[in-house]
């Protein structure tokens, strides 16, 4: 259970919306919260990639060596060319 404080102008708009639609205020508030949460959460990367996450095997490479390989690549670029 949540309690939300609304400024007078928003409270008046909410009451008017309930009056003209015949919907209970709580239904309007719940619907608005669902819509806002959907908009905020749909942009998350894990949500956008949910259908492909875990669908491919990576081969289980050894990521512990990545840093060392990167250092070696940088050193090779800096080494004087013959």
PDB file of N, CA and C in Angstrom:
ATOM      1  N   UNK A   1       0.842  -1.172   0.000  1.00  0.00           N
ATOM      2  CA  UNK A   1       0.000   0.000   0.000  1.00  0.00           C
ATOM      3  C   UNK A   1       0.889   1.237   0.000  1.00  0.00           C
ATOM      4  N   UNK A   2       0.596   2.167  -0.871  1.00  0.00           N
ATOM      5  CA  UNK A   2       1.345   3.420  -0.975  1.00  0.00           C
ATOM      6  C   UNK A   2       0.408   4.596  -0.732  1.00  0.00           C
ATOM      7  N   UNK A   3       0.989   5.662  -0.278  1.00  0.00           N
ATOM      8  CA  UNK A   3       0.257   6.911  -0.120  1.00  0.00           C
ATOM      9  C   UNK A   3       1.009   7.962  -0.929  1.00  0.00           C
ATOM     10  N   UNK A   4       0.279   8.716  -1.719  1.00  0.00           N
ATOM     11  CA  UNK A   4       0.911   9.710  -2.587  1.00  0.00           C
ATOM     12  C   UNK A   4       0.253  11.064  -2.348  1.00  0.00           C
ATOM     13  N   UNK A   5       1.074  12.059  -2.166  1.00  0.00           N
ATOM     14  CA  UNK A   5       0.557  13.422  -2.004  1.00  0.00           C
ATOM     15  C   UNK A   5       0.556  14.108  -3.366  1.00  0.00           C
ATOM     16  N   UNK A   6      -0.545  14.729  -3.681  1.00  0.00           N
ATOM     17  CA  UNK A   6      -0.679  15.434  -4.952  1.00  0.00           C
ATOM     18  C   UNK A   6      -0.885  16.917  -4.693  1.00  0.00           C
ATOM     19  N   UNK A   7      -0.296  17.738  -5.550  1.00  0.00           N
ATOM     20  CA  UNK A   7      -0.548  19.160  -5.424  1.00  0.00           C
ATOM     21  C   UNK A   7      -2.014  19.418  -5.824  1.00  0.00           C
ATOM     22  N   UNK A   8      -2.608  20.494  -5.342  1.00  0.00           N
ATOM     23  CA  UNK A   8      -4.036  20.751  -5.566  1.00  0.00           C
ATOM     24  C   UNK A   8      -4.454  20.719  -7.041  1.00  0.00           C
ATOM     25  N   UNK A   9      -3.626  21.274  -7.908  1.00  0.00           N
ATOM     26  CA  UNK A   9      -3.975  21.299  -9.336  1.00  0.00           C
ATOM     27  C   UNK A   9      -4.064  19.883  -9.908  1.00  0.00           C
ATOM     28  N   UNK A  10      -3.109  19.021  -9.560  1.00  0.00           N
ATOM     29  CA  UNK A  10      -3.132  17.648 -10.058  1.00  0.00           C
ATOM     30  C   UNK A  10      -4.299  16.870  -9.452  1.00  0.00           C
ATOM     31  N   UNK A  11      -4.575  17.096  -8.180  1.00  0.00           N
ATOM     32  CA  UNK A  11      -5.728  16.456  -7.525  1.00  0.00           C
ATOM     33  C   UNK A  11      -7.021  16.840  -8.236  1.00  0.00           C
ATOM     34  N   UNK A  12      -7.158  18.105  -8.582  1.00  0.00           N
ATOM     35  CA  UNK A  12      -8.362  18.570  -9.276  1.00  0.00           C
ATOM     36  C   UNK A  12      -8.475  17.930 -10.658  1.00  0.00           C
ATOM     37  N   UNK A  13      -7.364  17.828 -11.360  1.00  0.00           N
ATOM     38  CA  UNK A  13      -7.383  17.189 -12.696  1.00  0.00           C
ATOM     39  C   UNK A  13      -7.754  15.717 -12.587  1.00  0.00           C
ATOM     40  N   UNK A  14      -7.215  15.060 -11.578  1.00  0.00           N
ATOM     41  CA  UNK A  14      -7.514  13.647 -11.375  1.00  0.00           C
ATOM     42  C   UNK A  14      -9.003  13.445 -11.080  1.00  0.00           C
ATOM     43  N   UNK A  15      -9.553  14.263 -10.217  1.00  0.00           N
ATOM     44  CA  UNK A  15     -10.979  14.171  -9.908  1.00  0.00           C
ATOM     45  C   UNK A  15     -11.837  14.435 -11.136  1.00  0.00           C
ATOM     46  N   UNK A  16     -11.446  15.407 -11.935  1.00  0.00           N
ATOM     47  CA  UNK A  16     -12.196  15.720 -13.161  1.00  0.00           C
ATOM     48  C   UNK A  16     -12.117  14.561 -14.149  1.00  0.00           C
ATOM     49  N   UNK A  17     -10.940  13.956 -14.297  1.00  0.00           N
ATOM     50  CA  UNK A  17     -10.793  12.808 -15.189  1.00  0.00           C
ATOM     51  C   UNK A  17     -11.663  11.651 -14.721  1.00  0.00           C
ATOM     52  N   UNK A  18     -11.713  11.421 -13.427  1.00  0.00           N
ATOM     53  CA  UNK A  18     -12.554  10.355 -12.883  1.00  0.00           C
ATOM     54  C   UNK A  18     -14.036  10.670 -13.111  1.00  0.00           C
ATOM     55  N   UNK A  19     -14.394  11.921 -12.950  1.00  0.00           N
ATOM     56  CA  UNK A  19     -15.785  12.316 -13.137  1.00  0.00           C
ATOM     57  C   UNK A  19     -16.246  12.106 -14.572  1.00  0.00           C
ATOM     58  N   UNK A  20     -15.418  12.546 -15.530  1.00  0.00           N
ATOM     59  CA  UNK A  20     -15.872  12.453 -16.923  1.00  0.00           C
ATOM     60  C   UNK A  20     -15.777  11.045 -17.493  1.00  0.00           C
ATOM     61  N   UNK A  21     -14.890  10.211 -16.944  1.00  0.00           N
ATOM     62  CA  UNK A  21     -14.769   8.838 -17.448  1.00  0.00           C
ATOM     63  C   UNK A  21     -15.623   7.853 -16.667  1.00  0.00           C
ATOM     64  N   UNK A  22     -15.990   8.230 -15.456  1.00  0.00           N
ATOM     65  CA  UNK A  22     -16.729   7.311 -14.606  1.00  0.00           C
ATOM     66  C   UNK A  22     -15.847   6.247 -13.966  1.00  0.00           C
ATOM     67  N   UNK A  23     -14.544   6.366 -14.134  1.00  0.00           N
ATOM     68  CA  UNK A  23     -13.597   5.408 -13.544  1.00  0.00           C
ATOM     69  C   UNK A  23     -13.251   5.832 -12.125  1.00  0.00           C
ATOM     70  N   UNK A  24     -12.992   4.861 -11.266  1.00  0.00           N
ATOM     71  CA  UNK A  24     -12.499   5.216  -9.934  1.00  0.00           C
ATOM     72  C   UNK A  24     -11.112   5.862 -10.038  1.00  0.00           C
ATOM     73  N   UNK A  25     -10.845   6.790  -9.140  1.00  0.00           N
ATOM     74  CA  UNK A  25      -9.550   7.466  -9.124  1.00  0.00           C
ATOM     75  C   UNK A  25      -8.411   6.454  -9.021  1.00  0.00           C
ATOM     76  N   UNK A  26      -8.586   5.430  -8.188  1.00  0.00           N
ATOM     77  CA  UNK A  26      -7.516   4.446  -8.008  1.00  0.00           C
ATOM     78  C   UNK A  26      -7.199   3.714  -9.312  1.00  0.00           C
ATOM     79  N   UNK A  27      -8.209   3.464 -10.160  1.00  0.00           N
ATOM     80  CA  UNK A  27      -7.953   2.812 -11.454  1.00  0.00           C
ATOM     81  C   UNK A  27      -7.130   3.714 -12.372  1.00  0.00           C
ATOM     82  N   UNK A  28      -7.453   4.995 -12.364  1.00  0.00           N
ATOM     83  CA  UNK A  28      -6.708   5.949 -13.195  1.00  0.00           C
ATOM     84  C   UNK A  28      -5.267   6.041 -12.727  1.00  0.00           C
ATOM     85  N   UNK A  29      -5.066   6.102 -11.426  1.00  0.00           N
ATOM     86  CA  UNK A  29      -3.715   6.190 -10.862  1.00  0.00           C
ATOM     87  C   UNK A  29      -2.925   4.927 -11.193  1.00  0.00           C
ATOM     88  N   UNK A  30      -3.529   3.750 -11.008  1.00  0.00           N
ATOM     89  CA  UNK A  30      -2.832   2.495 -11.315  1.00  0.00           C
ATOM     90  C   UNK A  30      -2.446   2.424 -12.795  1.00  0.00           C
ATOM     91  N   UNK A  31      -3.369   2.792 -13.668  1.00  0.00           N
ATOM     92  CA  UNK A  31      -3.086   2.755 -15.107  1.00  0.00           C
ATOM     93  C   UNK A  31      -1.937   3.697 -15.464  1.00  0.00           C
ATOM     94  N   UNK A  32      -1.928   4.878 -14.855  1.00  0.00           N
ATOM     95  CA  UNK A  32      -0.860   5.846 -15.119  1.00  0.00           C
ATOM     96  C   UNK A  32       0.487   5.315 -14.650  1.00  0.00           C
ATOM     97  N   UNK A  33       0.494   4.654 -13.507  1.00  0.00           N
ATOM     98  CA  UNK A  33       1.743   4.094 -12.986  1.00  0.00           C
ATOM     99  C   UNK A  33       2.241   2.980 -13.895  1.00  0.00           C
ATOM    100  N   UNK A  34       1.344   2.096 -14.336  1.00  0.00           N
ATOM    101  CA  UNK A  34       1.739   1.024 -15.263  1.00  0.00           C
ATOM    102  C   UNK A  34       2.340   1.600 -16.546  1.00  0.00           C
ATOM    103  N   UNK A  35       1.675   2.599 -17.126  1.00  0.00           N
ATOM    104  CA  UNK A  35       2.159   3.200 -18.374  1.00  0.00           C
ATOM    105  C   UNK A  35       3.537   3.830 -18.188  1.00  0.00           C
ATOM    106  N   UNK A  36       3.720   4.553 -17.105  1.00  0.00           N
ATOM    107  CA  UNK A  36       5.012   5.209 -16.850  1.00  0.00           C
ATOM    108  C   UNK A  36       6.121   4.185 -16.624  1.00  0.00           C
ATOM    109  N   UNK A  37       5.831   3.161 -15.834  1.00  0.00           N
ATOM    110  CA  UNK A  37       6.831   2.118 -15.589  1.00  0.00           C
ATOM    111  C   UNK A  37       7.185   1.393 -16.888  1.00  0.00           C
ATOM    112  N   UNK A  38       6.184   1.092 -17.714  1.00  0.00           N
ATOM    113  CA  UNK A  38       6.453   0.439 -18.999  1.00  0.00           C
ATOM    114  C   UNK A  38       7.384   1.288 -19.850  1.00  0.00           C
ATOM    115  N   UNK A  39       7.129   2.596 -19.917  1.00  0.00           N
ATOM    116  CA  UNK A  39       7.987   3.484 -20.724  1.00  0.00           C
ATOM    117  C   UNK A  39       9.408   3.519 -20.183  1.00  0.00           C
ATOM    118  N   UNK A  40       9.549   3.574 -18.876  1.00  0.00           N
ATOM    119  CA  UNK A  40      10.882   3.643 -18.279  1.00  0.00           C
ATOM    120  C   UNK A  40      11.642   2.332 -18.420  1.00  0.00           C
ATOM    121  N   UNK A  41      10.968   1.234 -18.255  1.00  0.00           N
ATOM    122  CA  UNK A  41      11.647  -0.061 -18.244  1.00  0.00           C
ATOM    123  C   UNK A  41      11.874  -0.639 -19.629  1.00  0.00           C
ATOM    124  N   UNK A  42      11.075  -0.244 -20.619  1.00  0.00           N
ATOM    125  CA  UNK A  42      11.249  -0.822 -21.940  1.00  0.00           C
ATOM    126  C   UNK A  42      12.558  -0.394 -22.600  1.00  0.00           C
ATOM    127  N   UNK A  43      13.136   0.714 -22.171  1.00  0.00           N
ATOM    128  CA  UNK A  43      14.377   1.191 -22.754  1.00  0.00           C
ATOM    129  C   UNK A  43      15.615   0.530 -22.192  1.00  0.00           C
ATOM    130  N   UNK A  44      15.460  -0.283 -21.150  1.00  0.00           N
ATOM    131  CA  UNK A  44      16.619  -0.934 -20.548  1.00  0.00           C
ATOM    132  C   UNK A  44      17.228  -1.922 -21.528  1.00  0.00           C
ATOM    133  N   UNK A  45      18.539  -1.975 -21.548  1.00  0.00           N
ATOM    134  CA  UNK A  45      19.252  -2.851 -22.461  1.00  0.00           C
ATOM    135  C   UNK A  45      18.885  -4.315 -22.238  1.00  0.00           C
ATOM    136  N   UNK A  46      18.789  -4.752 -20.996  1.00  0.00           N
ATOM    137  CA  UNK A  46      18.447  -6.161 -20.757  1.00  0.00           C
ATOM    138  C   UNK A  46      17.052  -6.487 -21.262  1.00  0.00           C
ATOM    139  N   UNK A  47      16.136  -5.535 -21.218  1.00  0.00           N
ATOM    140  CA  UNK A  47      14.787  -5.771 -21.743  1.00  0.00           C
ATOM    141  C   UNK A  47      14.806  -5.829 -23.267  1.00  0.00           C
ATOM    142  N   UNK A  48      15.586  -4.951 -23.899  1.00  0.00           N
ATOM    143  CA  UNK A  48      15.654  -4.936 -25.366  1.00  0.00           C
ATOM    144  C   UNK A  48      16.346  -6.180 -25.909  1.00  0.00           C
ATOM    145  N   UNK A  49      17.267  -6.756 -25.135  1.00  0.00           N
ATOM    146  CA  UNK A  49      18.013  -7.920 -25.599  1.00  0.00           C
ATOM    147  C   UNK A  49      17.507  -9.238 -25.015  1.00  0.00           C
ATOM    148  N   UNK A  50      16.389  -9.207 -24.316  1.00  0.00           N
ATOM    149  CA  UNK A  50      15.889 -10.397 -23.610  1.00  0.00           C
ATOM    150  C   UNK A  50      15.714 -11.591 -24.546  1.00  0.00           C
ATOM    151  N   UNK A  51      15.309 -11.351 -25.781  1.00  0.00           N
ATOM    152  CA  UNK A  51      15.065 -12.470 -26.696  1.00  0.00           C
ATOM    153  C   UNK A  51      16.350 -13.107 -27.211  1.00  0.00           C
ATOM    154  N   UNK A  52      17.480 -12.442 -27.058  1.00  0.00           N
ATOM    155  CA  UNK A  52      18.734 -13.022 -27.559  1.00  0.00           C
ATOM    156  C   UNK A  52      19.739 -13.371 -26.469  1.00  0.00           C
ATOM    157  N   UNK A  53      19.516 -12.885 -25.261  1.00  0.00           N
ATOM    158  CA  UNK A  53      20.440 -13.190 -24.164  1.00  0.00           C
ATOM    159  C   UNK A  53      20.441 -14.691 -23.922  1.00  0.00           C
ATOM    160  N   UNK A  54      21.628 -15.275 -23.958  1.00  0.00           N
ATOM    161  CA  UNK A  54      21.781 -16.702 -23.708  1.00  0.00           C
ATOM    162  C   UNK A  54      21.494 -17.577 -24.906  1.00  0.00           C
ATOM    163  N   UNK A  55      21.245 -16.970 -26.075  1.00  0.00           N
ATOM    164  CA  UNK A  55      20.888 -17.784 -27.237  1.00  0.00           C
ATOM    165  C   UNK A  55      22.097 -18.235 -28.051  1.00  0.00           C
ATOM    166  N   UNK A  56      23.279 -17.758 -27.719  1.00  0.00           N
ATOM    167  CA  UNK A  56      24.476 -18.159 -28.458  1.00  0.00           C
ATOM    168  C   UNK A  56      25.569 -18.585 -27.484  1.00  0.00           C
ATOM    169  N   UNK A  57      26.318 -19.595 -27.876  1.00  0.00           N
ATOM    170  CA  UNK A  57      27.433 -20.057 -27.053  1.00  0.00           C
ATOM    171  C   UNK A  57      28.676 -19.256 -27.419  1.00  0.00           C
ATOM    172  N   UNK A  58      29.364 -18.769 -26.422  1.00  0.00           N
ATOM    173  CA  UNK A  58      30.549 -17.959 -26.677  1.00  0.00           C
ATOM    174  C   UNK A  58      31.820 -18.793 -26.772  1.00  0.00           C
ATOM    175  N   UNK A  59      31.739 -20.028 -26.429  1.00  0.00           N
ATOM    176  CA  UNK A  59      32.925 -20.871 -26.468  1.00  0.00           C
ATOM    177  C   UNK A  59      33.710 -20.839 -25.179  1.00  0.00           C
ATOM    178  N   UNK A  60      33.301 -20.024 -24.225  1.00  0.00           N
ATOM    179  CA  UNK A  60      33.946 -20.005 -22.916  1.00  0.00           C
ATOM    180  C   UNK A  60      35.389 -19.556 -22.936  1.00  0.00           C
ATOM    181  N   UNK A  61      35.695 -18.477 -23.629  1.00  0.00           N
ATOM    182  CA  UNK A  61      37.057 -17.955 -23.667  1.00  0.00           C
ATOM    183  C   UNK A  61      37.552 -17.555 -22.291  1.00  0.00           C
ATOM    184  N   UNK A  62      38.838 -17.387 -22.164  1.00  0.00           N
ATOM    185  CA  UNK A  62      39.440 -17.047 -20.883  1.00  0.00           C
ATOM    186  C   UNK A  62      39.607 -15.535 -20.797  1.00  0.00           C
ATOM    187  N   UNK A  63      38.633 -14.874 -20.201  1.00  0.00           N
ATOM    188  CA  UNK A  63      38.658 -13.414 -20.136  1.00  0.00           C
ATOM    189  C   UNK A  63      39.737 -12.885 -19.197  1.00  0.00           C
ATOM    190  N   UNK A  64      40.316 -13.739 -18.358  1.00  0.00           N
ATOM    191  CA  UNK A  64      41.368 -13.280 -17.446  1.00  0.00           C
ATOM    192  C   UNK A  64      42.601 -12.832 -18.213  1.00  0.00           C
ATOM    193  N   UNK A  65      42.774 -13.316 -19.440  1.00  0.00           N
ATOM    194  CA  UNK A  65      43.949 -12.968 -20.231  1.00  0.00           C
ATOM    195  C   UNK A  65      43.726 -11.741 -21.117  1.00  0.00           C
ATOM    196  N   UNK A  66      42.520 -11.218 -21.132  1.00  0.00           N
ATOM    197  CA  UNK A  66      42.201 -10.096 -22.001  1.00  0.00           C
ATOM    198  C   UNK A  66      43.071  -8.883 -21.704  1.00  0.00           C
ATOM    199  N   UNK A  67      43.210  -8.543 -20.436  1.00  0.00           N
ATOM    200  CA  UNK A  67      44.009  -7.374 -20.061  1.00  0.00           C
ATOM    201  C   UNK A  67      45.450  -7.501 -20.510  1.00  0.00           C
ATOM    202  N   UNK A  68      46.051  -8.662 -20.301  1.00  0.00           N
ATOM    203  CA  UNK A  68      47.437  -8.877 -20.712  1.00  0.00           C
ATOM    204  C   UNK A  68      47.567  -8.795 -22.229  1.00  0.00           C
ATOM    205  N   UNK A  69      46.618  -9.364 -22.945  1.00  0.00           N
ATOM    206  CA  UNK A  69      46.655  -9.309 -24.414  1.00  0.00           C
ATOM    207  C   UNK A  69      46.563  -7.870 -24.901  1.00  0.00           C
ATOM    208  N   UNK A  70      45.757  -7.055 -24.235  1.00  0.00           N
ATOM    209  CA  UNK A  70      45.615  -5.660 -24.608  1.00  0.00           C
ATOM    210  C   UNK A  70      46.931  -4.913 -24.393  1.00  0.00           C
ATOM    211  N   UNK A  71      47.572  -5.156 -23.263  1.00  0.00           N
ATOM    212  CA  UNK A  71      48.859  -4.521 -22.971  1.00  0.00           C
ATOM    213  C   UNK A  71      49.883  -4.913 -24.029  1.00  0.00           C
ATOM    214  N   UNK A  72      49.927  -6.178 -24.377  1.00  0.00           N
ATOM    215  CA  UNK A  72      50.884  -6.640 -25.387  1.00  0.00           C
ATOM    216  C   UNK A  72      50.611  -5.992 -26.743  1.00  0.00           C
ATOM    217  N   UNK A  73      49.348  -5.828 -27.094  1.00  0.00           N
ATOM    218  CA  UNK A  73      49.006  -5.185 -28.366  1.00  0.00           C
ATOM    219  C   UNK A  73      49.442  -3.730 -28.376  1.00  0.00           C
ATOM    220  N   UNK A  74      49.252  -3.027 -27.265  1.00  0.00           N
ATOM    221  CA  UNK A  74      49.689  -1.634 -27.176  1.00  0.00           C
ATOM    222  C   UNK A  74      51.208  -1.525 -27.256  1.00  0.00           C
ATOM    223  N   UNK A  75      51.906  -2.416 -26.574  1.00  0.00           N
ATOM    224  CA  UNK A  75      53.369  -2.388 -26.609  1.00  0.00           C
ATOM    225  C   UNK A  75      53.875  -2.675 -28.022  1.00  0.00           C
ATOM    226  N   UNK A  76      53.216  -3.559 -28.717  1.00  0.00           N
ATOM    227  CA  UNK A  76      53.619  -3.872 -30.092  1.00  0.00           C
ATOM    228  C   UNK A  76      53.438  -2.654 -30.995  1.00  0.00           C
ATOM    229  N   UNK A  77      52.426  -1.859 -30.748  1.00  0.00           N
ATOM    230  CA  UNK A  77      52.185  -0.653 -31.561  1.00  0.00           C
ATOM    231  C   UNK A  77      53.233   0.415 -31.283  1.00  0.00           C
ATOM    232  N   UNK A  78      53.715   0.457 -30.038  1.00  0.00           N
ATOM    233  CA  UNK A  78      54.699   1.454 -29.659  1.00  0.00           C
ATOM    234  C   UNK A  78      56.124   1.063 -30.044  1.00  0.00           C
ATOM    235  N   UNK A  79      56.336  -0.199 -30.273  1.00  0.00           N
ATOM    236  CA  UNK A  79      57.696  -0.671 -30.579  1.00  0.00           C
ATOM    237  C   UNK A  79      58.178  -0.039 -31.866  1.00  0.00           C
ATOM    238  N   UNK A  80      59.455   0.350 -31.895  1.00  0.00           N
ATOM    239  CA  UNK A  80      60.007   0.946 -33.123  1.00  0.00           C
ATOM    240  C   UNK A  80      59.962  -0.059 -34.275  1.00  0.00           C
ATOM    241  N   UNK A  81      59.598   0.438 -35.423  1.00  0.00           N
ATOM    242  CA  UNK A  81      59.524  -0.415 -36.611  1.00  0.00           C
ATOM    243  C   UNK A  81      60.901  -0.473 -37.270  1.00  0.00           C
ATOM    244  N   UNK A  82      61.294  -1.673 -37.705  1.00  0.00           N
ATOM    245  CA  UNK A  82      62.626  -1.806 -38.315  1.00  0.00           C
ATOM    246  C   UNK A  82      62.756  -1.102 -39.635  1.00  0.00           C
TER     247      UNK A  82
END
